Amino acid sequence: MKNVFALLVTAALFSGATFACDKPAAPELPDPASAVTAQMIKAKNDVKAYLDAANSYIECVKGNASRHNAMIGEMETVAANFNEAVRAYKERMTAG
């Protein structure tokens, strides 16, 4: 009987009931007015990693519409801010 109880406790500890969804932090973007190419490439990689982690988070919170929708909104904001930074960076590089 002890073994059955221990098995049930172990199963409960490793079940989805105790699994926490880790919301990713948005990456910091460089200032496109002064950024160098290496910073922009790093930002691109950071944004991609963030979006991948955000997609995993969305899978984890499946069924929780408010958390899902909040993450989608944040993803859209990060993508829009990154695209704006890239446009400004490219504009600066071609103007110089």
Protein backbone atom coordinates (compact mmCIF):
# COMPACT_ATOMS: atom_id res chain seq x y z
CA MET A 1 0.00 0.00 0.00
CA LYS A 2 2.92 2.37 0.73
CA ASN A 3 4.24 1.87 -2.80
CA VAL A 4 0.88 2.74 -4.33
CA PHE A 5 0.67 5.91 -2.23
CA ALA A 6 4.24 6.89 -3.15
CA LEU A 7 3.45 6.31 -6.82
CA LEU A 8 0.34 8.49 -6.62
CA VAL A 9 2.23 11.29 -4.87
CA THR A 10 5.01 11.13 -7.45
CA ALA A 11 2.50 11.18 -10.28
CA ALA A 12 0.77 14.21 -8.76
CA LEU A 13 4.05 16.08 -8.40
CA PHE A 14 4.97 15.57 -12.03
CA SER A 15 1.50 15.99 -13.49
CA GLY A 16 0.30 19.02 -15.37
CA ALA A 17 -1.38 20.23 -12.19
CA THR A 18 1.95 21.53 -10.90
CA PHE A 19 3.34 22.57 -14.28
CA ALA A 20 3.75 26.33 -14.55
CA CYS A 21 3.69 28.17 -17.83
CA ASP A 22 6.63 30.55 -18.06
CA LYS A 23 5.73 33.74 -19.88
CA PRO A 24 8.73 34.98 -21.86
CA ALA A 25 10.04 38.49 -21.37
CA ALA A 26 10.09 40.73 -24.40
CA PRO A 27 13.59 41.39 -25.71
CA GLU A 28 15.15 44.81 -25.48
CA LEU A 29 15.66 46.40 -28.87
CA PRO A 30 18.61 48.63 -29.75
CA ASP A 31 18.15 52.27 -30.65
CA PRO A 32 18.08 52.25 -34.46
CA ALA A 33 19.55 55.77 -34.51
CA SER A 34 22.85 54.48 -33.11
CA ALA A 35 22.77 50.68 -33.47
CA VAL A 36 25.46 48.81 -35.36
CA THR A 37 24.80 45.81 -37.57
CA ALA A 38 25.79 43.27 -34.90
CA GLN A 39 23.22 44.77 -32.49
CA MET A 40 20.48 44.55 -35.10
CA ILE A 41 21.35 40.92 -35.87
CA LYS A 42 21.31 40.11 -32.15
CA ALA A 43 17.93 41.84 -31.85
CA LYS A 44 16.61 39.75 -34.76
CA ASN A 45 17.76 36.55 -33.06
CA ASP A 46 16.36 37.68 -29.71
CA VAL A 47 12.98 38.48 -31.27
CA LYS A 48 12.88 35.10 -33.00
CA ALA A 49 13.71 33.31 -29.74
CA TYR A 50 11.07 35.37 -27.94
CA LEU A 51 8.41 34.51 -30.53
CA ASP A 52 9.31 30.81 -30.31
CA ALA A 53 9.05 30.93 -26.51
CA ALA A 54 5.80 32.89 -26.77
CA ASN A 55 4.32 30.23 -29.05
CA SER A 56 5.25 27.58 -26.48
CA TYR A 57 3.64 29.70 -23.77
CA ILE A 58 0.46 29.98 -25.84
CA GLU A 59 0.36 26.18 -26.13
CA CYS A 60 0.83 25.93 -22.37
CA VAL A 61 -2.03 28.31 -21.53
CA LYS A 62 -4.40 26.72 -24.02
CA GLY A 63 -7.88 27.14 -22.61
CA ASN A 64 -7.11 30.42 -20.83
CA ALA A 65 -8.34 33.02 -23.30
CA SER A 66 -7.16 36.08 -21.38
CA ARG A 67 -3.57 34.82 -21.04
CA HIS A 68 -3.59 33.65 -24.67
CA ASN A 69 -4.90 36.97 -25.98
CA ALA A 70 -2.52 39.01 -23.82
CA MET A 71 0.44 37.04 -25.18
CA ILE A 72 -0.75 37.50 -28.77
CA GLY A 73 -1.01 41.24 -28.16
CA GLU A 74 2.50 41.38 -26.72
CA MET A 75 3.87 39.35 -29.62
CA GLU A 76 2.29 41.74 -32.11
CA THR A 77 3.74 44.73 -30.26
CA VAL A 78 7.25 43.23 -30.16
CA ALA A 79 7.09 42.36 -33.86
CA ALA A 80 5.82 45.83 -34.79
CA ASN A 81 8.49 47.55 -32.68
CA PHE A 82 11.21 45.37 -34.20
CA ASN A 83 9.99 46.03 -37.75
CA GLU A 84 9.92 49.76 -37.03
CA ALA A 85 13.47 49.61 -35.65
CA VAL A 86 14.67 47.71 -38.73
CA ARG A 87 13.08 50.24 -41.06
CA ALA A 88 14.67 53.15 -39.16
CA TYR A 89 18.05 51.38 -39.10
CA LYS A 90 17.95 50.67 -42.84
CA GLU A 91 16.90 54.22 -43.55
CA ARG A 92 19.83 55.55 -41.51
CA MET A 93 22.27 53.19 -43.22
CA THR A 94 21.17 54.17 -46.75
CA ALA A 95 21.11 57.90 -45.93
CA GLY A 96 24.68 57.93 -44.59
